[in-house]
Amino acid sequence: MQQFDRPEKQAIEQEQFEILQQLEDWLEMPMLLLSFVWLALFIVELTWGLTPLLETLSLVIWIIFILEFILKLILAPRKAAYFKANWLTAIALFLPALRTLRIIQVVRVLRTARAVRGLQLLRVLTRTNRSMRSLTATFTRRGFGYVVLLTAIVTFAGAAGMYAFEQDAPDESGFDHYGTALWWTAMLMTTMGSDYFPQTAEGRVLCFLLALYAFAVFGYVTATLATFFIGQDADDDQAELAGAKSIEALRDEIIALRAEIQDLRRSNR
């Protein structure tokens, strides 16, 4: 009986997996666009605040994401494994509920500013992760364009987080507006840095994470640019570096030389 049930169960799981893949392919581009809009609304919320219309739009997108997550969880053949692989997405969808239920406002009343900034830091990380995962699902090939878009997401979201944390720095040397925070984050992304050092604990944590990302991406960008210039140099026949064209010409000459040697051997016989 167990030998009969097991293949049947595997067939059902395979069918669920195929349906899930079709659903993800169909929702791939719409969810990518919505994730970008959701992240942009979050940046606006941290920097300038949302109007009632933008709050409603953010709420609608949040509900769409929740429905998508629930639907995928239902279709997933192994729900525990799916939830484990998407736990950050689940947190990103859970955190707006705290704001909807006015829990953050209650925390503010209790004057626990550290708890408020901690929740904001978690929201920055999870919202950014949501957009990054959508972008990763869309780009089947992780090329240079993928890295550029990913870096842009991290830069704009990171700048919004740094502005939210550092605008009221204890020594009043924080960022006075979002443009300053964006410039500072962009300098960090290029590994150049600046004279300002975050004053809040949340700002320092976010700065450390941004620096780690910049360090990892900088190596990739450097290697890509080096490969590009080497390729340009290799295409030049006058360059010292042997390119694909030169190697191909040398190969043809060797083949022709072998053919002449074989002809000479045959004629000597």
Protein backbone atom coordinates (compact mmCIF):
# COMPACT_ATOMS: atom_id res chain seq x y z
CA MET A 1 0.00 0.00 0.00
CA GLN A 2 2.84 2.38 0.84
CA GLN A 3 4.58 1.62 -2.46
CA PHE A 4 1.38 2.68 -4.27
CA ASP A 5 0.82 5.84 -2.22
CA ARG A 6 4.36 7.14 -2.53
CA PRO A 7 4.45 7.40 -6.35
CA GLU A 8 0.99 8.96 -6.27
CA LYS A 9 2.17 11.52 -3.73
CA GLN A 10 5.23 12.31 -5.84
CA ALA A 11 3.03 12.80 -8.89
CA ILE A 12 0.82 15.24 -6.98
CA GLU A 13 3.84 17.15 -5.70
CA GLN A 14 5.27 17.32 -9.23
CA GLU A 15 1.97 18.68 -10.54
CA GLN A 16 1.85 21.29 -7.76
CA PHE A 17 5.43 22.27 -8.51
CA GLU A 18 4.65 22.76 -12.20
CA ILE A 19 1.59 24.88 -11.39
CA LEU A 20 3.70 26.94 -8.97
CA GLN A 21 6.36 27.48 -11.64
CA GLN A 22 3.74 28.59 -14.16
CA LEU A 23 2.26 31.00 -11.63
CA GLU A 24 5.68 32.47 -10.80
CA ASP A 25 6.46 32.91 -14.51
CA TRP A 26 3.14 34.67 -15.07
CA LEU A 27 3.48 36.96 -12.05
CA GLU A 28 7.19 37.62 -12.49
CA MET A 29 7.09 40.99 -14.26
CA PRO A 30 3.99 42.42 -12.49
CA MET A 31 5.44 41.56 -9.08
CA LEU A 32 8.78 43.08 -10.05
CA LEU A 33 7.13 46.38 -10.97
CA LEU A 34 4.99 46.36 -7.82
CA SER A 35 8.02 45.64 -5.65
CA PHE A 36 9.81 48.66 -7.14
CA VAL A 37 6.78 50.86 -6.51
CA TRP A 38 6.45 49.51 -2.96
CA LEU A 39 10.11 50.24 -2.25
CA ALA A 40 9.79 53.72 -3.75
CA LEU A 41 6.79 54.42 -1.53
CA PHE A 42 8.81 53.23 1.47
CA ILE A 43 11.64 55.61 0.57
CA VAL A 44 9.15 58.46 0.31
CA GLU A 45 7.67 57.45 3.67
CA LEU A 46 11.05 57.56 5.39
CA THR A 47 12.12 60.86 3.85
CA TRP A 48 9.06 63.05 3.27
CA GLY A 49 6.06 61.09 4.52
CA LEU A 50 3.12 59.64 2.59
CA THR A 51 -0.03 61.41 1.54
CA PRO A 52 -3.35 59.60 2.15
CA LEU A 53 -3.43 58.58 -1.53
CA LEU A 54 0.07 57.11 -1.40
CA GLU A 55 -0.74 55.34 1.87
CA THR A 56 -3.74 53.73 0.20
CA LEU A 57 -1.59 52.68 -2.77
CA SER A 58 1.00 51.18 -0.44
CA LEU A 59 -1.74 49.30 1.42
CA VAL A 60 -3.18 47.89 -1.82
CA ILE A 61 0.25 46.67 -2.97
CA TRP A 62 0.85 45.13 0.45
CA ILE A 63 -2.45 43.20 0.23
CA ILE A 64 -1.52 41.98 -3.27
CA PHE A 65 1.82 40.70 -1.96
CA ILE A 66 0.09 38.91 0.92
CA LEU A 67 -2.34 37.21 -1.45
CA GLU A 68 0.51 36.20 -3.73
CA PHE A 69 2.50 34.75 -0.83
CA ILE A 70 -0.50 32.80 0.51
CA LEU A 71 -1.33 31.44 -2.95
CA LYS A 72 2.24 30.30 -3.54
CA LEU A 73 2.37 28.76 -0.07
CA ILE A 74 -0.81 26.79 -0.80
CA LEU A 75 0.54 25.55 -4.15
CA ALA A 76 4.00 24.72 -2.80
CA PRO A 77 4.40 20.91 -2.54
CA ARG A 78 6.64 21.29 0.53
CA LYS A 79 5.24 24.21 2.48
CA ALA A 80 7.78 24.13 5.31
CA ALA A 81 10.68 24.28 2.85
CA TYR A 82 9.02 27.09 0.89
CA PHE A 83 8.40 29.12 4.05
CA LYS A 84 11.97 28.53 5.19
CA ALA A 85 13.31 29.79 1.85
CA ASN A 86 11.08 32.90 1.96
CA TRP A 87 11.11 33.81 5.65
CA LEU A 88 12.45 37.31 4.97
CA THR A 89 9.58 37.90 2.56
CA ALA A 90 7.16 36.77 5.26
CA ILE A 91 8.69 39.25 7.72
CA ALA A 92 8.47 42.03 5.11
CA LEU A 93 4.76 41.31 4.75
CA PHE A 94 4.20 41.08 8.51
CA LEU A 95 5.87 44.36 9.49
CA PRO A 96 3.33 46.67 7.79
CA ALA A 97 0.69 45.04 10.00
CA LEU A 98 2.43 46.58 13.00
CA ARG A 99 1.98 50.01 11.48
CA THR A 100 -1.62 49.25 10.51
CA LEU A 101 -2.41 48.15 14.05
CA ARG A 102 -0.76 51.34 15.38
CA ILE A 103 1.78 49.36 17.38
CA ILE A 104 4.58 51.67 16.28
CA GLN A 105 2.54 54.66 17.47
CA VAL A 106 2.12 52.99 20.86
CA VAL A 107 5.87 52.47 21.04
CA ARG A 108 6.41 56.13 20.26
CA VAL A 109 4.07 57.11 23.06
CA LEU A 110 6.20 55.04 25.39
CA ARG A 111 9.19 57.06 24.10
CA THR A 112 11.25 54.02 23.19
CA ALA A 113 12.95 55.63 20.22
CA ARG A 114 15.47 52.78 20.01
CA ALA A 115 12.64 50.28 19.42
CA VAL A 116 11.16 52.49 16.69
CA ARG A 117 14.50 52.78 14.88
CA GLY A 118 15.03 49.04 15.28
CA LEU A 119 11.71 48.36 13.54
CA GLN A 120 12.63 50.85 10.82
CA LEU A 121 15.96 49.11 10.26
CA LEU A 122 14.18 45.78 9.94
CA ARG A 123 11.72 47.32 7.48
CA VAL A 124 14.57 48.74 5.39
CA LEU A 125 16.24 45.33 5.17
CA THR A 126 13.08 43.36 4.43
CA ARG A 127 11.64 45.81 1.90
CA THR A 128 14.97 45.91 0.06
CA ASN A 129 15.19 42.14 0.17
CA ARG A 130 11.72 41.91 -1.40
CA SER A 131 12.81 44.00 -4.40
CA MET A 132 16.12 42.15 -4.66
CA ARG A 133 14.39 38.76 -4.75
CA SER A 134 11.95 39.96 -7.42
CA LEU A 135 14.85 41.27 -9.49
CA THR A 136 16.75 38.00 -9.03
CA ALA A 137 13.74 35.99 -10.20
CA THR A 138 13.42 38.15 -13.33
CA PHE A 139 17.06 38.08 -14.41
CA THR A 140 17.87 34.52 -15.47
CA ARG A 141 21.43 35.59 -16.21
CA ARG A 142 23.23 37.55 -13.51
CA GLY A 143 25.04 39.98 -15.77
CA PHE A 144 26.38 43.49 -15.40
CA GLY A 145 22.93 45.04 -15.87
CA TYR A 146 21.59 42.96 -13.00
CA VAL A 147 24.36 44.18 -10.70
CA VAL A 148 23.75 47.81 -11.70
CA LEU A 149 20.01 47.61 -10.96
CA LEU A 150 20.64 45.75 -7.71
CA THR A 151 23.16 48.37 -6.61
CA ALA A 152 20.71 51.15 -7.45
CA ILE A 153 18.06 49.50 -5.25
CA VAL A 154 20.50 49.10 -2.36
CA THR A 155 21.77 52.68 -2.75
CA PHE A 156 18.38 54.43 -2.79
CA ALA A 157 16.91 52.27 -0.02
CA GLY A 158 20.07 52.49 2.07
CA ALA A 159 20.14 56.28 1.71
CA ALA A 160 16.53 56.48 2.91
CA GLY A 161 17.39 54.36 5.94
CA MET A 162 20.48 56.40 6.76
CA TYR A 163 18.50 59.62 6.48
CA ALA A 164 15.77 58.27 8.78
CA PHE A 165 18.32 57.20 11.39
CA GLU A 166 20.83 60.05 11.18
CA GLN A 167 18.69 63.14 10.59
CA ASP A 168 18.37 63.61 14.35
CA ALA A 169 21.88 62.58 15.31
CA PRO A 170 22.88 63.39 18.92
CA ASP A 171 25.60 65.85 17.90
CA GLU A 172 23.40 67.51 15.22
CA SER A 173 25.84 66.54 12.49
CA GLY A 174 23.46 64.19 10.73
CA PHE A 175 21.98 64.43 7.26
CA ASP A 176 19.88 67.54 6.75
CA HIS A 177 18.03 66.14 3.72
CA TYR A 178 17.73 62.99 1.61
CA GLY A 179 20.07 64.27 -1.10
CA THR A 180 22.95 64.43 1.37
CA ALA A 181 22.24 60.89 2.56
CA LEU A 182 22.06 59.67 -1.06
CA TRP A 183 25.42 61.28 -1.86
CA TRP A 184 26.98 59.74 1.24
CA THR A 185 25.60 56.29 0.37
CA ALA A 186 26.79 56.60 -3.23
CA MET A 187 30.30 57.40 -1.99
CA LEU A 188 30.11 54.35 0.26
CA MET A 189 29.06 52.20 -2.70
CA THR A 190 32.18 53.29 -4.59
CA THR A 191 34.28 52.38 -1.49
CA MET A 192 35.50 56.00 -1.33
CA GLY A 193 33.55 56.87 1.81
CA SER A 194 33.32 60.30 3.44
CA ASP A 195 34.23 62.09 6.65
CA TYR A 196 30.86 61.47 8.29
CA PHE A 197 30.47 58.45 10.58
CA PRO A 198 26.99 57.28 11.71
CA GLN A 199 26.06 58.25 15.25
CA THR A 200 23.09 55.95 15.94
CA ALA A 201 23.41 52.21 16.47
CA GLU A 202 20.94 51.47 13.67
CA GLY A 203 22.82 53.76 11.31
CA ARG A 204 26.07 51.98 12.09
CA VAL A 205 24.52 48.56 11.47
CA LEU A 206 23.09 49.72 8.15
CA CYS A 207 26.41 51.36 7.24
CA PHE A 208 28.23 48.09 7.94
CA LEU A 209 25.82 46.11 5.73
CA LEU A 210 26.12 48.67 2.93
CA ALA A 211 29.92 48.54 3.18
CA LEU A 212 29.87 44.73 2.93
CA TYR A 213 27.71 44.90 -0.18
CA ALA A 214 29.92 47.60 -1.72
CA PHE A 215 33.06 45.56 -1.02
CA ALA A 216 31.57 42.48 -2.71
CA VAL A 217 30.19 44.34 -5.73
CA PHE A 218 33.29 46.49 -6.24
CA GLY A 219 35.36 43.39 -6.98
CA TYR A 220 32.82 42.22 -9.54
CA VAL A 221 32.63 45.59 -11.26
CA THR A 222 36.43 45.86 -11.34
CA ALA A 223 36.72 42.42 -12.90
CA THR A 224 34.01 43.23 -15.46
CA LEU A 225 35.69 46.48 -16.51
CA ALA A 226 39.08 44.75 -16.70
CA THR A 227 37.58 42.03 -18.91
CA PHE A 228 36.03 44.69 -21.15
CA PHE A 229 39.29 46.59 -21.65
CA ILE A 230 41.23 43.38 -22.15
CA GLY A 231 38.70 42.37 -24.79
CA GLN A 232 39.09 45.74 -26.52
CA ASP A 233 42.86 45.35 -26.45
CA ALA A 234 42.65 41.79 -27.73
CA ASP A 235 40.63 42.86 -30.78
CA ASP A 236 43.43 45.25 -31.76
CA ASP A 237 45.87 43.52 -34.10
CA GLN A 238 48.66 45.89 -33.01
CA ALA A 239 48.17 45.19 -29.31
CA GLU A 240 50.68 43.19 -27.31
CA LEU A 241 47.96 40.94 -25.93
CA ALA A 242 46.97 38.07 -28.20
CA GLY A 243 43.25 38.13 -28.80
CA ALA A 244 40.79 35.63 -30.19
CA LYS A 245 41.40 36.81 -33.78
CA SER A 246 45.16 36.38 -33.47
CA ILE A 247 44.82 32.93 -31.93
CA GLU A 248 42.38 31.88 -34.66
CA ALA A 249 44.76 33.10 -37.38
CA LEU A 250 47.65 31.22 -35.76
CA ARG A 251 45.52 28.08 -35.63
CA ASP A 252 44.72 28.36 -39.34
CA GLU A 253 48.41 28.77 -40.14
CA ILE A 254 49.29 25.65 -38.11
CA ILE A 255 46.60 23.63 -39.91
CA ALA A 256 47.86 24.84 -43.29
CA LEU A 257 51.45 24.01 -42.30
CA ARG A 258 50.45 20.49 -41.26
CA ALA A 259 48.70 20.01 -44.59
CA GLU A 260 51.84 21.09 -46.49
CA ILE A 261 54.01 18.71 -44.43
CA GLN A 262 51.65 15.82 -45.19
CA ASP A 263 51.75 16.67 -48.92
CA LEU A 264 55.56 16.71 -48.85
CA ARG A 265 55.64 13.29 -47.15
CA ARG A 266 53.29 11.82 -49.75
CA SER A 267 55.35 13.23 -52.61
CA ASN A 268 58.57 11.78 -51.14
CA ARG A 269 56.99 8.34 -51.03
